[in-house]
Amino acid sequence: MKCWLLFVARFLYAISVLKTKVMATNNMKIIGKGSPESRHQHSNAWEVMKPFVHFGIKAIGAIAHTLIYIVKHIPKPDSLKSSEKKSGKIIKI
C-alpha cells in the first residue's frame, strides 16, 4: 500500500512539474521580437508631457512679462535732467 501511495505522489508531482515547464515555455518572450504595432501601441508621450509643456509655456510668458515691465520702467537719462531744469529753484541750507 505504501508503495502505491508513493508512486501516486511521485506521478502527481511529475505532472505538476511538467505543467509548469510547459506553461513557462509557452509564456517565454524573446527580447526585441515583439510585433511592431504592439511596441508602439502604448505610446502616449503627448499625454505624459502635456502638463510640462503647458507649464513651460506659462513660465516663459511670465518671465517675458516681467522683463518687459522692468525695461519699460527704467528711467531714461533725459527725463532726469529735464526734471531738474524745470524746478529752477535753488535750495540753500
PDB file of N, CA and C in Angstrom:
ATOM      1  N   MET A   1       0.812  -1.197   0.000  1.00  0.00           N
ATOM      2  CA  MET A   1       0.000   0.000   0.000  1.00  0.00           C
ATOM      3  C   MET A   1       0.858   1.265   0.000  1.00  0.00           C
ATOM      4  N   LYS A   2       1.967   1.233   0.800  1.00  0.00           N
ATOM      5  CA  LYS A   2       2.855   2.384   0.846  1.00  0.00           C
ATOM      6  C   LYS A   2       3.485   2.628  -0.508  1.00  0.00           C
ATOM      7  N   CYS A   3       3.826   1.558  -1.172  1.00  0.00           N
ATOM      8  CA  CYS A   3       4.470   1.681  -2.477  1.00  0.00           C
ATOM      9  C   CYS A   3       3.519   2.330  -3.478  1.00  0.00           C
ATOM     10  N   TRP A   4       2.261   1.932  -3.403  1.00  0.00           N
ATOM     11  CA  TRP A   4       1.252   2.502  -4.307  1.00  0.00           C
ATOM     12  C   TRP A   4       1.058   4.000  -4.036  1.00  0.00           C
ATOM     13  N   LEU A   5       0.983   4.428  -2.800  1.00  0.00           N
ATOM     14  CA  LEU A   5       0.830   5.841  -2.453  1.00  0.00           C
ATOM     15  C   LEU A   5       2.067   6.642  -2.874  1.00  0.00           C
ATOM     16  N   LEU A   6       3.219   6.066  -2.697  1.00  0.00           N
ATOM     17  CA  LEU A   6       4.450   6.733  -3.098  1.00  0.00           C
ATOM     18  C   LEU A   6       4.491   6.921  -4.612  1.00  0.00           C
ATOM     19  N   PHE A   7       4.053   5.909  -5.344  1.00  0.00           N
ATOM     20  CA  PHE A   7       4.001   6.002  -6.802  1.00  0.00           C
ATOM     21  C   PHE A   7       3.024   7.097  -7.246  1.00  0.00           C
ATOM     22  N   VAL A   8       1.845   7.154  -6.648  1.00  0.00           N
ATOM     23  CA  VAL A   8       0.841   8.159  -6.998  1.00  0.00           C
ATOM     24  C   VAL A   8       1.365   9.560  -6.667  1.00  0.00           C
ATOM     25  N   ALA A   9       1.999   9.721  -5.536  1.00  0.00           N
ATOM     26  CA  ALA A   9       2.539  11.030  -5.132  1.00  0.00           C
ATOM     27  C   ALA A   9       3.610  11.488  -6.122  1.00  0.00           C
ATOM     28  N   ARG A  10       4.508  10.589  -6.508  1.00  0.00           N
ATOM     29  CA  ARG A  10       5.548  10.945  -7.475  1.00  0.00           C
ATOM     30  C   ARG A  10       4.947  11.281  -8.831  1.00  0.00           C
ATOM     31  N   PHE A  11       3.920  10.515  -9.218  1.00  0.00           N
ATOM     32  CA  PHE A  11       3.255  10.759 -10.505  1.00  0.00           C
ATOM     33  C   PHE A  11       2.585  12.136 -10.517  1.00  0.00           C
ATOM     34  N   LEU A  12       1.874  12.479  -9.448  1.00  0.00           N
ATOM     35  CA  LEU A  12       1.225  13.782  -9.365  1.00  0.00           C
ATOM     36  C   LEU A  12       2.261  14.915  -9.346  1.00  0.00           C
ATOM     37  N   TYR A  13       3.353  14.708  -8.657  1.00  0.00           N
ATOM     38  CA  TYR A  13       4.417  15.713  -8.626  1.00  0.00           C
ATOM     39  C   TYR A  13       5.025  15.896 -10.021  1.00  0.00           C
ATOM     40  N   ALA A  14       5.248  14.801 -10.724  1.00  0.00           N
ATOM     41  CA  ALA A  14       5.819  14.882 -12.070  1.00  0.00           C
ATOM     42  C   ALA A  14       4.874  15.608 -13.015  1.00  0.00           C
ATOM     43  N   ILE A  15       3.583  15.369 -12.889  1.00  0.00           N
ATOM     44  CA  ILE A  15       2.610  16.058 -13.738  1.00  0.00           C
ATOM     45  C   ILE A  15       2.607  17.558 -13.450  1.00  0.00           C
ATOM     46  N   SER A  16       2.655  17.923 -12.158  1.00  0.00           N
ATOM     47  CA  SER A  16       2.636  19.351 -11.812  1.00  0.00           C
ATOM     48  C   SER A  16       3.908  20.046 -12.301  1.00  0.00           C
ATOM     49  N   VAL A  17       5.065  19.392 -12.191  1.00  0.00           N
ATOM     50  CA  VAL A  17       6.314  19.970 -12.684  1.00  0.00           C
ATOM     51  C   VAL A  17       6.279  20.100 -14.197  1.00  0.00           C
ATOM     52  N   LEU A  18       5.745  19.084 -14.857  1.00  0.00           N
ATOM     53  CA  LEU A  18       5.648  19.112 -16.313  1.00  0.00           C
ATOM     54  C   LEU A  18       4.723  20.238 -16.786  1.00  0.00           C
ATOM     55  N   LYS A  19       3.611  20.445 -16.092  1.00  0.00           N
ATOM     56  CA  LYS A  19       2.691  21.522 -16.451  1.00  0.00           C
ATOM     57  C   LYS A  19       3.361  22.889 -16.305  1.00  0.00           C
ATOM     58  N   THR A  20       4.101  23.088 -15.225  1.00  0.00           N
ATOM     59  CA  THR A  20       4.755  24.389 -15.028  1.00  0.00           C
ATOM     60  C   THR A  20       5.826  24.615 -16.080  1.00  0.00           C
ATOM     61  N   LYS A  21       6.529  23.554 -16.487  1.00  0.00           N
ATOM     62  CA  LYS A  21       7.546  23.721 -17.532  1.00  0.00           C
ATOM     63  C   LYS A  21       6.905  24.049 -18.870  1.00  0.00           C
ATOM     64  N   VAL A  22       5.804  23.400 -19.200  1.00  0.00           N
ATOM     65  CA  VAL A  22       5.115  23.667 -20.457  1.00  0.00           C
ATOM     66  C   VAL A  22       4.550  25.081 -20.440  1.00  0.00           C
ATOM     67  N   MET A  23       3.952  25.494 -19.340  1.00  0.00           N
ATOM     68  CA  MET A  23       3.399  26.843 -19.238  1.00  0.00           C
ATOM     69  C   MET A  23       4.511  27.886 -19.331  1.00  0.00           C
ATOM     70  N   ALA A  24       5.674  27.576 -18.739  1.00  0.00           N
ATOM     71  CA  ALA A  24       6.778  28.516 -18.793  1.00  0.00           C
ATOM     72  C   ALA A  24       7.292  28.683 -20.216  1.00  0.00           C
ATOM     73  N   THR A  25       7.367  27.610 -20.988  1.00  0.00           N
ATOM     74  CA  THR A  25       7.843  27.725 -22.364  1.00  0.00           C
ATOM     75  C   THR A  25       6.820  28.445 -23.237  1.00  0.00           C
ATOM     76  N   ASN A  26       5.538  28.301 -22.952  1.00  0.00           N
ATOM     77  CA  ASN A  26       4.523  29.000 -23.726  1.00  0.00           C
ATOM     78  C   ASN A  26       4.544  30.506 -23.451  1.00  0.00           C
ATOM     79  N   ASN A  27       4.896  30.882 -22.246  1.00  0.00           N
ATOM     80  CA  ASN A  27       4.879  32.290 -21.859  1.00  0.00           C
ATOM     81  C   ASN A  27       6.224  32.982 -22.050  1.00  0.00           C
ATOM     82  N   MET A  28       7.211  32.288 -22.587  1.00  0.00           N
ATOM     83  CA  MET A  28       8.530  32.892 -22.776  1.00  0.00           C
ATOM     84  C   MET A  28       8.457  33.949 -23.873  1.00  0.00           C
ATOM     85  N   LYS A  29       9.137  35.057 -23.641  1.00  0.00           N
ATOM     86  CA  LYS A  29       9.196  36.116 -24.640  1.00  0.00           C
ATOM     87  C   LYS A  29      10.659  36.396 -24.957  1.00  0.00           C
ATOM     88  N   ILE A  30      10.932  36.596 -26.211  1.00  0.00           N
ATOM     89  CA  ILE A  30      12.288  36.911 -26.627  1.00  0.00           C
ATOM     90  C   ILE A  30      12.384  38.417 -26.762  1.00  0.00           C
ATOM     91  N   ILE A  31      13.426  38.997 -26.191  1.00  0.00           N
ATOM     92  CA  ILE A  31      13.595  40.450 -26.200  1.00  0.00           C
ATOM     93  C   ILE A  31      13.792  40.922 -27.626  1.00  0.00           C
ATOM     94  N   GLY A  32      13.044  41.960 -28.007  1.00  0.00           N
ATOM     95  CA  GLY A  32      13.176  42.551 -29.329  1.00  0.00           C
ATOM     96  C   GLY A  32      12.438  41.819 -30.428  1.00  0.00           C
ATOM     97  N   LYS A  33      11.681  40.786 -30.114  1.00  0.00           N
ATOM     98  CA  LYS A  33      10.975  40.025 -31.147  1.00  0.00           C
ATOM     99  C   LYS A  33       9.472  40.281 -31.122  1.00  0.00           C
ATOM    100  N   GLY A  34       9.035  41.361 -30.467  1.00  0.00           N
ATOM    101  CA  GLY A  34       7.614  41.676 -30.434  1.00  0.00           C
ATOM    102  C   GLY A  34       7.162  42.256 -31.756  1.00  0.00           C
ATOM    103  N   SER A  35       5.862  42.249 -31.971  1.00  0.00           N
ATOM    104  CA  SER A  35       5.346  42.823 -33.204  1.00  0.00           C
ATOM    105  C   SER A  35       5.467  44.347 -33.140  1.00  0.00           C
ATOM    106  N   PRO A  36       5.693  45.012 -34.289  1.00  0.00           N
ATOM    107  CA  PRO A  36       5.894  46.466 -34.276  1.00  0.00           C
ATOM    108  C   PRO A  36       4.686  47.238 -33.765  1.00  0.00           C
ATOM    109  N   GLU A  37       3.467  46.779 -34.073  1.00  0.00           N
ATOM    110  CA  GLU A  37       2.297  47.510 -33.612  1.00  0.00           C
ATOM    111  C   GLU A  37       2.108  47.378 -32.108  1.00  0.00           C
ATOM    112  N   SER A  38       2.534  46.277 -31.528  1.00  0.00           N
ATOM    113  CA  SER A  38       2.381  46.129 -30.086  1.00  0.00           C
ATOM    114  C   SER A  38       3.388  47.004 -29.341  1.00  0.00           C
ATOM    115  N   ARG A  39       4.564  47.259 -29.950  1.00  0.00           N
ATOM    116  CA  ARG A  39       5.551  48.121 -29.290  1.00  0.00           C
ATOM    117  C   ARG A  39       5.098  49.565 -29.253  1.00  0.00           C
ATOM    118  N   HIS A  40       4.447  50.032 -30.300  1.00  0.00           N
ATOM    119  CA  HIS A  40       4.047  51.433 -30.378  1.00  0.00           C
ATOM    120  C   HIS A  40       2.606  51.661 -29.932  1.00  0.00           C
ATOM    121  N   GLN A  41       1.935  50.623 -29.544  1.00  0.00           N
ATOM    122  CA  GLN A  41       0.537  50.725 -29.168  1.00  0.00           C
ATOM    123  C   GLN A  41       0.370  51.523 -27.881  1.00  0.00           C
ATOM    124  N   HIS A  42       1.287  51.406 -26.944  1.00  0.00           N
ATOM    125  CA  HIS A  42       1.151  52.053 -25.649  1.00  0.00           C
ATOM    126  C   HIS A  42       1.940  53.361 -25.576  1.00  0.00           C
ATOM    127  N   SER A  43       2.230  53.946 -26.709  1.00  0.00           N
ATOM    128  CA  SER A  43       2.993  55.188 -26.719  1.00  0.00           C
ATOM    129  C   SER A  43       2.038  56.353 -26.522  1.00  0.00           C
ATOM    130  N   ASN A  44       2.095  56.978 -25.361  1.00  0.00           N
ATOM    131  CA  ASN A  44       1.255  58.127 -25.062  1.00  0.00           C
ATOM    132  C   ASN A  44       2.137  59.265 -24.568  1.00  0.00           C
ATOM    133  N   ALA A  45       3.147  59.593 -25.353  1.00  0.00           N
ATOM    134  CA  ALA A  45       4.127  60.590 -24.939  1.00  0.00           C
ATOM    135  C   ALA A  45       3.487  61.963 -24.771  1.00  0.00           C
ATOM    136  N   TRP A  46       2.556  62.320 -25.665  1.00  0.00           N
ATOM    137  CA  TRP A  46       1.947  63.655 -25.561  1.00  0.00           C
ATOM    138  C   TRP A  46       1.118  63.778 -24.287  1.00  0.00           C
ATOM    139  N   GLU A  47       0.381  62.734 -23.917  1.00  0.00           N
ATOM    140  CA  GLU A  47      -0.424  62.790 -22.701  1.00  0.00           C
ATOM    141  C   GLU A  47       0.462  62.923 -21.468  1.00  0.00           C
ATOM    142  N   VAL A  48       1.641  62.334 -21.515  1.00  0.00           N
ATOM    143  CA  VAL A  48       2.557  62.413 -20.382  1.00  0.00           C
ATOM    144  C   VAL A  48       3.218  63.785 -20.313  1.00  0.00           C
ATOM    145  N   MET A  49       3.629  64.325 -21.466  1.00  0.00           N
ATOM    146  CA  MET A  49       4.392  65.567 -21.486  1.00  0.00           C
ATOM    147  C   MET A  49       3.523  66.826 -21.510  1.00  0.00           C
ATOM    148  N   LYS A  50       2.223  66.703 -21.772  1.00  0.00           N
ATOM    149  CA  LYS A  50       1.346  67.861 -21.940  1.00  0.00           C
ATOM    150  C   LYS A  50       1.383  68.814 -20.744  1.00  0.00           C
ATOM    151  N   PRO A  51       1.288  68.369 -19.492  1.00  0.00           N
ATOM    152  CA  PRO A  51       1.336  69.316 -18.367  1.00  0.00           C
ATOM    153  C   PRO A  51       2.660  70.065 -18.288  1.00  0.00           C
ATOM    154  N   PHE A  52       3.753  69.399 -18.611  1.00  0.00           N
ATOM    155  CA  PHE A  52       5.056  70.044 -18.543  1.00  0.00           C
ATOM    156  C   PHE A  52       5.213  71.091 -19.644  1.00  0.00           C
ATOM    157  N   VAL A  53       4.677  70.800 -20.817  1.00  0.00           N
ATOM    158  CA  VAL A  53       4.735  71.758 -21.925  1.00  0.00           C
ATOM    159  C   VAL A  53       3.925  73.004 -21.579  1.00  0.00           C
ATOM    160  N   HIS A  54       2.724  72.801 -21.040  1.00  0.00           N
ATOM    161  CA  HIS A  54       1.891  73.950 -20.671  1.00  0.00           C
ATOM    162  C   HIS A  54       2.558  74.782 -19.576  1.00  0.00           C
ATOM    163  N   PHE A  55       3.152  74.112 -18.595  1.00  0.00           N
ATOM    164  CA  PHE A  55       3.848  74.841 -17.539  1.00  0.00           C
ATOM    165  C   PHE A  55       5.018  75.635 -18.111  1.00  0.00           C
ATOM    166  N   GLY A  56       5.766  75.045 -19.026  1.00  0.00           N
ATOM    167  CA  GLY A  56       6.900  75.739 -19.638  1.00  0.00           C
ATOM    168  C   GLY A  56       6.469  76.970 -20.407  1.00  0.00           C
ATOM    169  N   ILE A  57       5.370  76.852 -21.152  1.00  0.00           N
ATOM    170  CA  ILE A  57       4.877  77.998 -21.929  1.00  0.00           C
ATOM    171  C   ILE A  57       4.428  79.112 -20.997  1.00  0.00           C
ATOM    172  N   LYS A  58       3.712  78.778 -19.940  1.00  0.00           N
ATOM    173  CA  LYS A  58       3.246  79.798 -18.999  1.00  0.00           C
ATOM    174  C   LYS A  58       4.416  80.426 -18.245  1.00  0.00           C
ATOM    175  N   ALA A  59       5.423  79.641 -17.904  1.00  0.00           N
ATOM    176  CA  ALA A  59       6.592  80.187 -17.205  1.00  0.00           C
ATOM    177  C   ALA A  59       7.360  81.149 -18.106  1.00  0.00           C
ATOM    178  N   ILE A  60       7.520  80.801 -19.372  1.00  0.00           N
ATOM    179  CA  ILE A  60       8.210  81.694 -20.310  1.00  0.00           C
ATOM    180  C   ILE A  60       7.415  82.979 -20.493  1.00  0.00           C
ATOM    181  N   GLY A  61       6.090  82.879 -20.547  1.00  0.00           N
ATOM    182  CA  GLY A  61       5.251  84.074 -20.654  1.00  0.00           C
ATOM    183  C   GLY A  61       5.389  84.973 -19.444  1.00  0.00           C
ATOM    184  N   ALA A  62       5.422  84.392 -18.253  1.00  0.00           N
ATOM    185  CA  ALA A  62       5.577  85.194 -17.029  1.00  0.00           C
ATOM    186  C   ALA A  62       6.935  85.888 -17.002  1.00  0.00           C
ATOM    187  N   ILE A  63       7.988  85.191 -17.403  1.00  0.00           N
ATOM    188  CA  ILE A  63       9.325  85.801 -17.442  1.00  0.00           C
ATOM    189  C   ILE A  63       9.365  86.932 -18.459  1.00  0.00           C
ATOM    190  N   ALA A  64       8.731  86.726 -19.621  1.00  0.00           N
ATOM    191  CA  ALA A  64       8.714  87.763 -20.657  1.00  0.00           C
ATOM    192  C   ALA A  64       7.971  89.004 -20.174  1.00  0.00           C
ATOM    193  N   HIS A  65       6.816  88.840 -19.513  1.00  0.00           N
ATOM    194  CA  HIS A  65       6.075  89.986 -18.993  1.00  0.00           C
ATOM    195  C   HIS A  65       6.877  90.729 -17.927  1.00  0.00           C
ATOM    196  N   THR A  66       7.583  90.004 -17.102  1.00  0.00           N
ATOM    197  CA  THR A  66       8.408  90.639 -16.070  1.00  0.00           C
ATOM    198  C   THR A  66       9.530  91.453 -16.697  1.00  0.00           C
ATOM    199  N   LEU A  67      10.204  90.895 -17.691  1.00  0.00           N
ATOM    200  CA  LEU A  67      11.293  91.622 -18.350  1.00  0.00           C
ATOM    201  C   LEU A  67      10.769  92.865 -19.072  1.00  0.00           C
ATOM    202  N   ILE A  68       9.609  92.761 -19.717  1.00  0.00           N
ATOM    203  CA  ILE A  68       9.037  93.924 -20.400  1.00  0.00           C
ATOM    204  C   ILE A  68       8.700  95.012 -19.385  1.00  0.00           C
ATOM    205  N   TYR A  69       8.141  94.639 -18.243  1.00  0.00           N
ATOM    206  CA  TYR A  69       7.811  95.607 -17.192  1.00  0.00           C
ATOM    207  C   TYR A  69       9.068  96.310 -16.684  1.00  0.00           C
ATOM    208  N   ILE A  70      10.127  95.541 -16.462  1.00  0.00           N
ATOM    209  CA  ILE A  70      11.379  96.129 -15.968  1.00  0.00           C
ATOM    210  C   ILE A  70      11.952  97.095 -16.996  1.00  0.00           C
ATOM    211  N   VAL A  71      11.981  96.713 -18.256  1.00  0.00           N
ATOM    212  CA  VAL A  71      12.558  97.564 -19.292  1.00  0.00           C
ATOM    213  C   VAL A  71      11.732  98.835 -19.468  1.00  0.00           C
ATOM    214  N   LYS A  72      10.422  98.737 -19.388  1.00  0.00           N
ATOM    215  CA  LYS A  72       9.575  99.918 -19.552  1.00  0.00           C
ATOM    216  C   LYS A  72       9.753 100.909 -18.406  1.00  0.00           C
ATOM    217  N   HIS A  73      10.051 100.437 -17.217  1.00  0.00           N
ATOM    218  CA  HIS A  73      10.134 101.313 -16.060  1.00  0.00           C
ATOM    219  C   HIS A  73      11.553 101.737 -15.704  1.00  0.00           C
ATOM    220  N   ILE A  74      12.506 101.482 -16.561  1.00  0.00           N
ATOM    221  CA  ILE A  74      13.860 102.013 -16.350  1.00  0.00           C
ATOM    222  C   ILE A  74      13.823 103.486 -16.736  1.00  0.00           C
ATOM    223  N   PRO A  75      14.250 104.357 -15.851  1.00  0.00           N
ATOM    224  CA  PRO A  75      14.204 105.787 -16.185  1.00  0.00           C
ATOM    225  C   PRO A  75      15.200 106.130 -17.288  1.00  0.00           C
ATOM    226  N   LYS A  76      14.765 106.990 -18.189  1.00  0.00           N
ATOM    227  CA  LYS A  76      15.627 107.426 -19.282  1.00  0.00           C
ATOM    228  C   LYS A  76      16.530 108.548 -18.787  1.00  0.00           C
ATOM    229  N   PRO A  77      17.746 108.673 -19.290  1.00  0.00           N
ATOM    230  CA  PRO A  77      18.663 109.708 -18.815  1.00  0.00           C
ATOM    231  C   PRO A  77      18.136 111.127 -19.090  1.00  0.00           C
ATOM    232  N   ASP A  78      17.415 111.346 -20.168  1.00  0.00           N
ATOM    233  CA  ASP A  78      16.884 112.675 -20.479  1.00  0.00           C
ATOM    234  C   ASP A  78      15.800 113.098 -19.497  1.00  0.00           C
ATOM    235  N   SER A  79      15.022 112.163 -18.995  1.00  0.00           N
ATOM    236  CA  SER A  79      13.935 112.518 -18.086  1.00  0.00           C
ATOM    237  C   SER A  79      14.472 113.032 -16.748  1.00  0.00           C
ATOM    238  N   LEU A  80      15.630 112.559 -16.300  1.00  0.00           N
ATOM    239  CA  LEU A  80      16.208 113.036 -15.041  1.00  0.00           C
ATOM    240  C   LEU A  80      16.709 114.473 -15.186  1.00  0.00           C
ATOM    241  N   LYS A  81      17.343 114.802 -16.270  1.00  0.00           N
ATOM    242  CA  LYS A  81      17.881 116.141 -16.480  1.00  0.00           C
ATOM    243  C   LYS A  81      16.765 117.166 -16.654  1.00  0.00           C
ATOM    244  N   SER A  82      15.716 116.804 -17.342  1.00  0.00           N
ATOM    245  CA  SER A  82      14.637 117.750 -17.598  1.00  0.00           C
ATOM    246  C   SER A  82      13.874 118.079 -16.319  1.00  0.00           C
ATOM    247  N   SER A  83      13.745 117.135 -15.399  1.00  0.00           N
ATOM    248  CA  SER A  83      13.021 117.419 -14.161  1.00  0.00           C
ATOM    249  C   SER A  83      13.813 118.380 -13.277  1.00  0.00           C
ATOM    250  N   GLU A  84      15.130 118.300 -13.300  1.00  0.00           N
ATOM    251  CA  GLU A  84      15.946 119.224 -12.517  1.00  0.00           C
ATOM    252  C   GLU A  84      15.879 120.636 -13.108  1.00  0.00           C
ATOM    253  N   LYS A  85      15.826 120.768 -14.400  1.00  0.00           N
ATOM    254  CA  LYS A  85      15.781 122.072 -15.054  1.00  0.00           C
ATOM    255  C   LYS A  85      14.415 122.735 -14.871  1.00  0.00           C
ATOM    256  N   LYS A  86      13.371 121.973 -14.773  1.00  0.00           N
ATOM    257  CA  LYS A  86      12.033 122.525 -14.670  1.00  0.00           C
ATOM    258  C   LYS A  86      11.822 123.261 -13.349  1.00  0.00           C
ATOM    259  N   SER A  87      12.354 122.717 -12.268  1.00  0.00           N
ATOM    260  CA  SER A  87      12.098 123.324 -10.968  1.00  0.00           C
ATOM    261  C   SER A  87      12.716 124.728 -10.899  1.00  0.00           C
ATOM    262  N   GLY A  88      13.936 124.869 -11.305  1.00  0.00           N
ATOM    263  CA  GLY A  88      14.580 126.171 -11.353  1.00  0.00           C
ATOM    264  C   GLY A  88      14.838 126.809  -9.990  1.00  0.00           C
ATOM    265  N   LYS A  89      14.444 126.214  -8.919  1.00  0.00           N
ATOM    266  CA  LYS A  89      14.652 126.773  -7.587  1.00  0.00           C
ATOM    267  C   LYS A  89      15.894 126.176  -6.975  1.00  0.00           C
ATOM    268  N   ILE A  90      16.634 126.953  -6.323  1.00  0.00           N
ATOM    269  CA  ILE A  90      17.836 126.502  -5.627  1.00  0.00           C
ATOM    270  C   ILE A  90      17.553 126.528  -4.139  1.00  0.00           C
ATOM    271  N   ILE A  91      17.787 125.447  -3.514  1.00  0.00           N
ATOM    272  CA  ILE A  91      17.557 125.360  -2.073  1.00  0.00           C
ATOM    273  C   ILE A  91      18.921 125.423  -1.401  1.00  0.00           C
ATOM    274  N   LYS A  92      19.086 126.434  -0.495  1.00  0.00           N
ATOM    275  CA  LYS A  92      20.345 126.597   0.244  1.00  0.00           C
ATOM    276  C   LYS A  92      20.119 126.165   1.689  1.00  0.00           C
ATOM    277  N   ILE A  93      21.071 125.473   2.187  1.00  0.00           N
ATOM    278  CA  ILE A  93      20.952 125.014   3.568  1.00  0.00           C
ATOM    279  C   ILE A  93      21.988 125.693   4.432  1.00  0.00           C
TER     280      ILE A  93
END
